[in-house]
Amino acid sequence: MSGVHGSRTKREFIDRHRGELGFIQAGCAMMELPRSTYYYRPRSRREKLKQDADLRDRIGCFLEIICDQKRLHSVPGCLPPAEFEVLRANPRLCT
């Protein structure tokens, strides 16, 4: 049935005949549909926008924590930005 029907139609067929097929894996094999495609469910626009906003927030946190405080440098003797700023604010700590 490859190429004859779309993924949605194939998923619906498997759902309708699940009892006869026994396992989803068997239905997917018969319909030549990857199981990952069977389980895929499209997200709504609202869900996509929320996930995008969450990812942007997480990227900001990552950059703040990793890049500004813990970033490793390839040049020996260089300090992460957070340590550099502490030493710059308190020059007495440099000695």
N, C-alpha and C. Protein backbone atom coordinates (compact mmCIF):
# COMPACT_ATOMS: atom_id res chain seq x y z
N MET A 1 0.82 -1.21 0.00
CA MET A 1 0.00 0.00 0.00
C MET A 1 0.85 1.26 0.00
N SER A 2 2.11 1.09 -0.27
CA SER A 2 3.03 2.22 -0.26
C SER A 2 2.66 3.22 -1.35
N GLY A 3 2.59 4.49 -0.96
CA GLY A 3 2.36 5.55 -1.91
C GLY A 3 0.91 5.73 -2.33
N VAL A 4 0.02 4.77 -2.01
CA VAL A 4 -1.37 4.86 -2.42
C VAL A 4 -2.13 5.78 -1.49
N HIS A 5 -1.87 5.67 -0.21
CA HIS A 5 -2.58 6.47 0.78
C HIS A 5 -1.58 7.27 1.60
N GLY A 6 -2.06 8.39 2.16
CA GLY A 6 -1.22 9.19 3.01
C GLY A 6 -1.06 8.57 4.39
N SER A 7 -0.14 9.11 5.15
CA SER A 7 0.13 8.59 6.49
C SER A 7 -1.10 8.62 7.39
N ARG A 8 -1.85 9.68 7.28
CA ARG A 8 -3.05 9.80 8.12
C ARG A 8 -4.04 8.67 7.82
N THR A 9 -4.25 8.39 6.55
CA THR A 9 -5.16 7.33 6.15
C THR A 9 -4.67 5.98 6.64
N LYS A 10 -3.38 5.76 6.55
CA LYS A 10 -2.80 4.50 7.02
C LYS A 10 -2.96 4.35 8.53
N ARG A 11 -2.73 5.44 9.27
CA ARG A 11 -2.91 5.39 10.74
C ARG A 11 -4.36 5.05 11.08
N GLU A 12 -5.28 5.68 10.38
CA GLU A 12 -6.70 5.42 10.63
C GLU A 12 -7.06 3.97 10.34
N PHE A 13 -6.51 3.42 9.25
CA PHE A 13 -6.77 2.02 8.92
C PHE A 13 -6.25 1.10 10.03
N ILE A 14 -5.04 1.36 10.49
CA ILE A 14 -4.45 0.55 11.56
C ILE A 14 -5.31 0.65 12.81
N ASP A 15 -5.76 1.84 13.15
CA ASP A 15 -6.61 2.02 14.33
C ASP A 15 -7.92 1.23 14.21
N ARG A 16 -8.54 1.28 13.03
CA ARG A 16 -9.81 0.57 12.82
C ARG A 16 -9.64 -0.95 12.89
N HIS A 17 -8.51 -1.45 12.45
CA HIS A 17 -8.30 -2.90 12.34
C HIS A 17 -7.30 -3.43 13.37
N ARG A 18 -7.13 -2.69 14.43
CA ARG A 18 -6.12 -3.05 15.43
C ARG A 18 -6.39 -4.42 16.04
N GLY A 19 -7.64 -4.73 16.30
CA GLY A 19 -7.99 -6.02 16.88
C GLY A 19 -7.61 -7.18 15.97
N GLU A 20 -7.81 -7.00 14.68
CA GLU A 20 -7.49 -8.05 13.72
C GLU A 20 -5.97 -8.18 13.51
N LEU A 21 -5.29 -7.07 13.58
CA LEU A 21 -3.85 -7.08 13.32
C LEU A 21 -3.06 -7.60 14.52
N GLY A 22 -3.60 -7.43 15.70
CA GLY A 22 -2.91 -7.89 16.90
C GLY A 22 -1.98 -6.84 17.48
N PHE A 23 -1.01 -6.41 16.71
CA PHE A 23 -0.04 -5.44 17.19
C PHE A 23 0.05 -4.28 16.21
N ILE A 24 0.35 -3.13 16.73
CA ILE A 24 0.55 -1.95 15.89
C ILE A 24 1.72 -2.20 14.95
N GLN A 25 2.74 -2.86 15.46
CA GLN A 25 3.92 -3.15 14.65
C GLN A 25 3.54 -3.94 13.39
N ALA A 26 2.64 -4.91 13.52
CA ALA A 26 2.20 -5.70 12.37
C ALA A 26 1.44 -4.83 11.37
N GLY A 27 0.58 -3.95 11.88
CA GLY A 27 -0.17 -3.05 11.00
C GLY A 27 0.75 -2.09 10.26
N CYS A 28 1.73 -1.58 10.97
CA CYS A 28 2.68 -0.66 10.34
C CYS A 28 3.48 -1.37 9.26
N ALA A 29 3.88 -2.62 9.54
CA ALA A 29 4.64 -3.38 8.54
C ALA A 29 3.77 -3.63 7.30
N MET A 30 2.52 -4.01 7.52
CA MET A 30 1.63 -4.29 6.41
C MET A 30 1.37 -3.04 5.56
N MET A 31 1.24 -1.90 6.22
CA MET A 31 0.94 -0.65 5.52
C MET A 31 2.21 0.08 5.05
N GLU A 32 3.38 -0.53 5.35
CA GLU A 32 4.66 0.09 5.03
C GLU A 32 4.74 1.50 5.61
N LEU A 33 4.41 1.58 6.88
CA LEU A 33 4.39 2.84 7.61
C LEU A 33 5.34 2.71 8.80
N PRO A 34 6.36 3.56 8.89
CA PRO A 34 7.25 3.50 10.06
C PRO A 34 6.45 3.73 11.35
N ARG A 35 6.80 2.99 12.39
CA ARG A 35 6.07 3.15 13.65
C ARG A 35 6.16 4.57 14.18
N SER A 36 7.29 5.23 13.96
CA SER A 36 7.41 6.62 14.42
C SER A 36 6.38 7.51 13.74
N THR A 37 6.06 7.21 12.49
CA THR A 37 5.04 7.96 11.77
C THR A 37 3.65 7.64 12.32
N TYR A 38 3.45 6.39 12.70
CA TYR A 38 2.16 6.01 13.28
C TYR A 38 1.90 6.80 14.57
N TYR A 39 2.91 6.91 15.41
CA TYR A 39 2.73 7.57 16.71
C TYR A 39 2.79 9.09 16.63
N TYR A 40 3.27 9.63 15.51
CA TYR A 40 3.38 11.08 15.37
C TYR A 40 2.00 11.72 15.38
N ARG A 41 1.85 12.77 16.15
CA ARG A 41 0.62 13.56 16.16
C ARG A 41 1.01 15.02 15.99
N PRO A 42 0.49 15.67 14.97
CA PRO A 42 0.85 17.07 14.75
C PRO A 42 0.45 17.95 15.93
N ARG A 43 1.28 18.94 16.19
CA ARG A 43 0.99 19.87 17.28
C ARG A 43 0.23 21.07 16.73
N SER A 44 -0.57 21.68 17.60
CA SER A 44 -1.30 22.87 17.20
C SER A 44 -0.34 24.07 17.15
N ARG A 45 -0.77 25.12 16.50
CA ARG A 45 0.06 26.33 16.42
C ARG A 45 0.36 26.88 17.81
N ARG A 46 -0.63 26.81 18.69
CA ARG A 46 -0.44 27.30 20.07
C ARG A 46 0.66 26.50 20.78
N GLU A 47 0.63 25.16 20.61
CA GLU A 47 1.65 24.32 21.23
C GLU A 47 3.04 24.64 20.68
N LYS A 48 3.13 24.86 19.37
CA LYS A 48 4.41 25.19 18.75
C LYS A 48 4.95 26.51 19.29
N LEU A 49 4.09 27.51 19.38
CA LEU A 49 4.52 28.82 19.88
C LEU A 49 4.98 28.73 21.34
N LYS A 50 4.26 27.96 22.15
CA LYS A 50 4.65 27.79 23.56
C LYS A 50 5.99 27.09 23.66
N GLN A 51 6.19 26.03 22.87
CA GLN A 51 7.45 25.32 22.91
C GLN A 51 8.60 26.22 22.44
N ASP A 52 8.38 27.01 21.40
CA ASP A 52 9.40 27.93 20.92
C ASP A 52 9.79 28.94 22.01
N ALA A 53 8.79 29.48 22.71
CA ALA A 53 9.06 30.44 23.78
C ALA A 53 9.85 29.77 24.92
N ASP A 54 9.47 28.55 25.27
CA ASP A 54 10.19 27.81 26.32
C ASP A 54 11.64 27.57 25.91
N LEU A 55 11.86 27.20 24.66
CA LEU A 55 13.22 26.96 24.19
C LEU A 55 14.05 28.23 24.20
N ARG A 56 13.44 29.36 23.80
CA ARG A 56 14.17 30.64 23.85
C ARG A 56 14.58 30.97 25.28
N ASP A 57 13.68 30.73 26.25
CA ASP A 57 14.01 30.99 27.65
C ASP A 57 15.15 30.08 28.12
N ARG A 58 15.07 28.82 27.73
CA ARG A 58 16.10 27.87 28.15
C ARG A 58 17.45 28.20 27.53
N ILE A 59 17.46 28.68 26.29
CA ILE A 59 18.71 29.06 25.65
C ILE A 59 19.33 30.23 26.39
N GLY A 60 18.49 31.19 26.78
CA GLY A 60 19.00 32.33 27.55
C GLY A 60 19.63 31.90 28.86
N CYS A 61 18.98 30.99 29.56
CA CYS A 61 19.53 30.46 30.82
C CYS A 61 20.84 29.71 30.57
N PHE A 62 20.86 28.91 29.52
CA PHE A 62 22.07 28.16 29.18
C PHE A 62 23.24 29.11 28.93
N LEU A 63 23.00 30.14 28.12
CA LEU A 63 24.07 31.08 27.82
C LEU A 63 24.56 31.79 29.06
N GLU A 64 23.62 32.16 29.92
CA GLU A 64 24.00 32.86 31.15
C GLU A 64 24.82 31.98 32.07
N ILE A 65 24.41 30.73 32.23
CA ILE A 65 25.09 29.83 33.16
C ILE A 65 26.38 29.28 32.57
N ILE A 66 26.30 28.69 31.42
CA ILE A 66 27.46 28.02 30.84
C ILE A 66 28.46 28.99 30.22
N CYS A 67 27.99 29.84 29.35
CA CYS A 67 28.92 30.71 28.63
C CYS A 67 29.50 31.81 29.50
N ASP A 68 28.71 32.36 30.39
CA ASP A 68 29.20 33.47 31.18
C ASP A 68 29.91 33.04 32.46
N GLN A 69 29.56 31.91 33.02
CA GLN A 69 30.14 31.52 34.31
C GLN A 69 31.12 30.37 34.21
N LYS A 70 30.82 29.37 33.38
CA LYS A 70 31.62 28.16 33.37
C LYS A 70 32.39 27.94 32.09
N ARG A 71 32.31 28.87 31.18
CA ARG A 71 32.93 28.67 29.87
C ARG A 71 34.42 28.36 30.02
N LEU A 72 34.86 27.36 29.32
CA LEU A 72 36.27 26.99 29.32
C LEU A 72 36.95 27.72 28.18
N HIS A 73 38.18 28.06 28.37
CA HIS A 73 38.93 28.80 27.36
C HIS A 73 40.07 27.96 26.84
N SER A 74 40.40 28.16 25.59
CA SER A 74 41.46 27.39 24.99
C SER A 74 42.84 27.97 25.31
N VAL A 75 42.88 29.21 25.79
CA VAL A 75 44.15 29.85 26.11
C VAL A 75 44.42 29.70 27.61
N PRO A 76 45.56 29.10 28.00
CA PRO A 76 45.87 28.96 29.42
C PRO A 76 45.93 30.33 30.11
N GLY A 77 45.39 30.40 31.28
CA GLY A 77 45.43 31.64 32.05
C GLY A 77 44.22 32.54 31.85
N CYS A 78 43.40 32.27 30.88
CA CYS A 78 42.19 33.08 30.67
C CYS A 78 41.13 32.67 31.68
N LEU A 79 40.33 33.62 32.08
CA LEU A 79 39.27 33.37 33.06
C LEU A 79 37.90 33.41 32.40
N PRO A 80 36.97 32.67 32.95
CA PRO A 80 35.59 32.81 32.48
C PRO A 80 35.12 34.24 32.75
N PRO A 81 34.18 34.76 31.97
CA PRO A 81 33.72 36.14 32.12
C PRO A 81 33.28 36.50 33.54
N ALA A 82 32.58 35.60 34.23
CA ALA A 82 32.09 35.91 35.58
C ALA A 82 33.27 36.13 36.54
N GLU A 83 34.30 35.27 36.47
CA GLU A 83 35.47 35.45 37.34
C GLU A 83 36.23 36.72 36.98
N PHE A 84 36.34 36.99 35.69
CA PHE A 84 37.03 38.20 35.23
C PHE A 84 36.36 39.44 35.80
N GLU A 85 35.03 39.47 35.75
CA GLU A 85 34.29 40.64 36.25
C GLU A 85 34.48 40.80 37.76
N VAL A 86 34.54 39.72 38.52
CA VAL A 86 34.78 39.80 39.97
C VAL A 86 36.16 40.39 40.23
N LEU A 87 37.16 39.91 39.50
CA LEU A 87 38.52 40.43 39.70
C LEU A 87 38.64 41.88 39.25
N ARG A 88 37.92 42.22 38.20
CA ARG A 88 37.95 43.61 37.72
C ARG A 88 37.32 44.56 38.73
N ALA A 89 36.25 44.08 39.38
CA ALA A 89 35.59 44.92 40.39
C ALA A 89 36.39 45.02 41.68
N ASN A 90 37.21 44.00 41.98
CA ASN A 90 38.01 43.98 43.19
C ASN A 90 39.47 43.69 42.82
N PRO A 91 40.21 44.71 42.39
CA PRO A 91 41.59 44.49 41.95
C PRO A 91 42.49 43.88 43.04
N ARG A 92 42.12 44.06 44.32
CA ARG A 92 42.94 43.52 45.41
C ARG A 92 42.96 41.99 45.38
N LEU A 93 41.95 41.36 44.77
CA LEU A 93 41.92 39.90 44.71
C LEU A 93 42.92 39.31 43.71
N CYS A 94 43.48 40.19 42.85
CA CYS A 94 44.40 39.72 41.80
C CYS A 94 45.76 39.31 42.36
N THR A 95 46.09 39.75 43.51
CA THR A 95 47.44 39.45 44.05
C THR A 95 47.51 38.16 44.78
